[in-house]
Amino acid sequence: MIQRPDDFAKRRALLAGLTEEQLKERFWSAAFSVVAPLVELARQHTSPSIERSVLLRMGFSSIEAKTIVELCAERGLLGKGAGHVVLKYAEARGLSIKAAGEELCSKKGWNVVQDLFKKGGGVLDTGPKKED
């Protein structure tokens, strides 16, 4: 077994003069800097598995979720989020999320979906727009 030199005293000296609040701040700063690349990776990337999981939580069966995800992937919309695609379509057509998903599963409405994502980029509406 490799013996590690005991450098605790030297490492502790860097932290000894800090208050409890400063230690907490240093800890959270270090934690966020370690996790930040993972958060950014998760924001920018998805997978069929993740998208199926989202649809399952929206109330779709595994067969419906698989179909919607495959159809999104065929049309290059997987990066927009399959749940987001269903939501935008439901809003555009005035349907429930379940009814919108069922239509998309039966390969209906994809022209509407493609138009929605061409026009506004499919950005999720997060509330009222600010007036200039």
Protein backbone atom coordinates (compact mmCIF):
# COMPACT_ATOMS: atom_id res chain seq x y z
CA MET A 1 0.00 0.00 0.00
CA ILE A 2 1.30 3.43 -0.93
CA GLN A 3 1.92 5.66 2.04
CA ARG A 4 0.55 9.17 1.63
CA PRO A 5 2.56 11.90 3.29
CA ASP A 6 0.60 13.57 6.05
CA ASP A 7 0.14 17.13 4.89
CA PHE A 8 -2.97 17.85 6.90
CA ALA A 9 -1.30 20.60 8.94
CA LYS A 10 -0.16 22.39 5.77
CA ARG A 11 -3.60 22.11 4.10
CA ARG A 12 -5.38 23.13 7.31
CA ALA A 13 -3.26 26.28 7.59
CA LEU A 14 -4.94 27.60 4.41
CA LEU A 15 -8.35 27.31 6.07
CA ALA A 16 -7.55 27.99 9.73
CA GLY A 17 -8.15 31.73 9.57
CA LEU A 18 -11.56 31.49 7.89
CA THR A 19 -14.84 31.96 9.73
CA GLU A 20 -17.61 29.39 9.57
CA GLU A 21 -19.43 31.56 7.01
CA GLN A 22 -16.31 31.90 4.86
CA LEU A 23 -15.78 28.14 4.99
CA LYS A 24 -19.36 27.55 3.84
CA GLU A 25 -18.90 30.06 1.01
CA ARG A 26 -15.65 28.40 -0.05
CA PHE A 27 -17.25 24.95 0.05
CA TRP A 28 -20.28 25.95 -2.06
CA SER A 29 -18.11 27.85 -4.49
CA ALA A 30 -15.93 24.77 -5.00
CA ALA A 31 -18.98 22.49 -5.24
CA PHE A 32 -20.64 24.68 -7.88
CA SER A 33 -17.46 24.93 -9.92
CA VAL A 34 -17.15 21.13 -9.95
CA VAL A 35 -20.81 20.58 -10.90
CA ALA A 36 -21.19 23.47 -13.39
CA PRO A 37 -19.83 21.54 -16.41
CA LEU A 38 -22.21 18.66 -15.67
CA VAL A 39 -25.18 20.99 -15.42
CA GLU A 40 -24.24 22.63 -18.71
CA LEU A 41 -23.82 19.23 -20.37
CA ALA A 42 -27.26 18.15 -19.16
CA ARG A 43 -28.80 21.40 -20.42
CA GLN A 44 -27.36 20.98 -23.90
CA HIS A 45 -27.77 17.25 -24.42
CA THR A 46 -30.55 14.76 -24.18
CA SER A 47 -31.13 11.18 -25.19
CA PRO A 48 -34.08 9.10 -26.35
CA SER A 49 -34.10 7.46 -22.93
CA ILE A 50 -34.43 10.79 -21.12
CA GLU A 51 -37.14 11.97 -23.50
CA ARG A 52 -39.13 8.74 -23.06
CA SER A 53 -38.86 9.19 -19.31
CA VAL A 54 -40.24 12.73 -19.55
CA LEU A 55 -43.18 11.53 -21.63
CA LEU A 56 -43.89 8.69 -19.20
CA ARG A 57 -44.13 11.25 -16.41
CA MET A 58 -46.51 13.28 -18.56
CA GLY A 59 -48.87 10.29 -18.56
CA PHE A 60 -48.06 8.52 -21.81
CA SER A 61 -47.63 4.76 -22.05
CA SER A 62 -44.20 3.40 -22.85
CA ILE A 63 -45.37 2.51 -26.36
CA GLU A 64 -46.70 6.05 -26.95
CA ALA A 65 -43.55 7.58 -25.50
CA LYS A 66 -41.33 5.42 -27.70
CA THR A 67 -43.31 6.37 -30.81
CA ILE A 68 -43.27 10.11 -30.07
CA VAL A 69 -39.54 10.06 -29.35
CA GLU A 70 -38.81 8.17 -32.58
CA LEU A 71 -40.92 10.59 -34.60
CA CYS A 72 -39.21 13.58 -32.95
CA ALA A 73 -35.81 12.07 -33.74
CA GLU A 74 -36.76 11.47 -37.39
CA ARG A 75 -37.64 15.15 -37.71
CA GLY A 76 -34.59 16.49 -35.87
CA LEU A 77 -36.65 17.75 -32.94
CA LEU A 78 -35.30 15.57 -30.16
CA GLY A 79 -33.03 18.38 -28.96
CA LYS A 80 -36.11 20.54 -28.40
CA GLY A 81 -37.43 17.95 -25.95
CA ALA A 82 -40.18 15.49 -26.79
CA GLY A 83 -42.33 16.73 -23.92
CA HIS A 84 -41.85 20.28 -25.13
CA VAL A 85 -42.90 19.25 -28.63
CA VAL A 86 -46.11 17.71 -27.28
CA LEU A 87 -46.79 20.75 -25.08
CA LYS A 88 -46.32 23.25 -27.93
CA TYR A 89 -48.55 21.18 -30.21
CA ALA A 90 -51.24 20.91 -27.52
CA GLU A 91 -51.16 24.69 -26.98
CA ALA A 92 -51.30 25.41 -30.71
CA ARG A 93 -54.25 23.09 -31.28
CA GLY A 94 -56.09 23.75 -28.02
CA LEU A 95 -55.87 20.09 -27.02
CA SER A 96 -55.06 18.34 -23.80
CA ILE A 97 -51.51 17.06 -23.58
CA LYS A 98 -52.75 13.49 -23.77
CA ALA A 99 -54.86 14.16 -26.89
CA ALA A 100 -51.98 16.03 -28.54
CA GLY A 101 -49.62 13.14 -27.87
CA GLU A 102 -52.10 10.63 -29.25
CA GLU A 103 -52.41 12.66 -32.47
CA LEU A 104 -48.64 12.85 -32.81
CA CYS A 105 -48.38 9.10 -32.21
CA SER A 106 -50.75 8.51 -35.11
CA LYS A 107 -48.43 10.68 -37.26
CA LYS A 108 -50.91 13.54 -37.45
CA GLY A 109 -49.94 17.16 -36.85
CA TRP A 110 -46.22 16.95 -37.48
CA ASN A 111 -46.44 19.65 -40.15
CA VAL A 112 -47.90 21.96 -37.47
CA VAL A 113 -45.10 21.01 -35.06
CA GLN A 114 -42.42 21.70 -37.64
CA ASP A 115 -43.96 25.10 -38.38
CA LEU A 116 -44.12 25.94 -34.66
CA PHE A 117 -40.45 25.22 -34.20
CA LYS A 118 -39.43 27.07 -37.38
CA LYS A 119 -41.29 30.27 -36.49
CA GLY A 120 -40.41 30.86 -32.87
CA GLY A 121 -37.64 28.36 -32.45
CA GLY A 122 -39.84 26.45 -30.03
CA VAL A 123 -38.64 28.38 -27.03
CA LEU A 124 -40.74 27.60 -24.01
CA ASP A 125 -42.94 30.53 -22.98
CA THR A 126 -41.96 31.47 -19.45
CA GLY A 127 -44.56 34.14 -18.81
CA PRO A 128 -45.73 37.51 -20.02
CA LYS A 129 -43.44 39.39 -22.36
CA LYS A 130 -41.95 42.67 -21.15
CA GLU A 131 -43.06 45.74 -23.08
CA ASP A 132 -40.29 48.05 -24.34
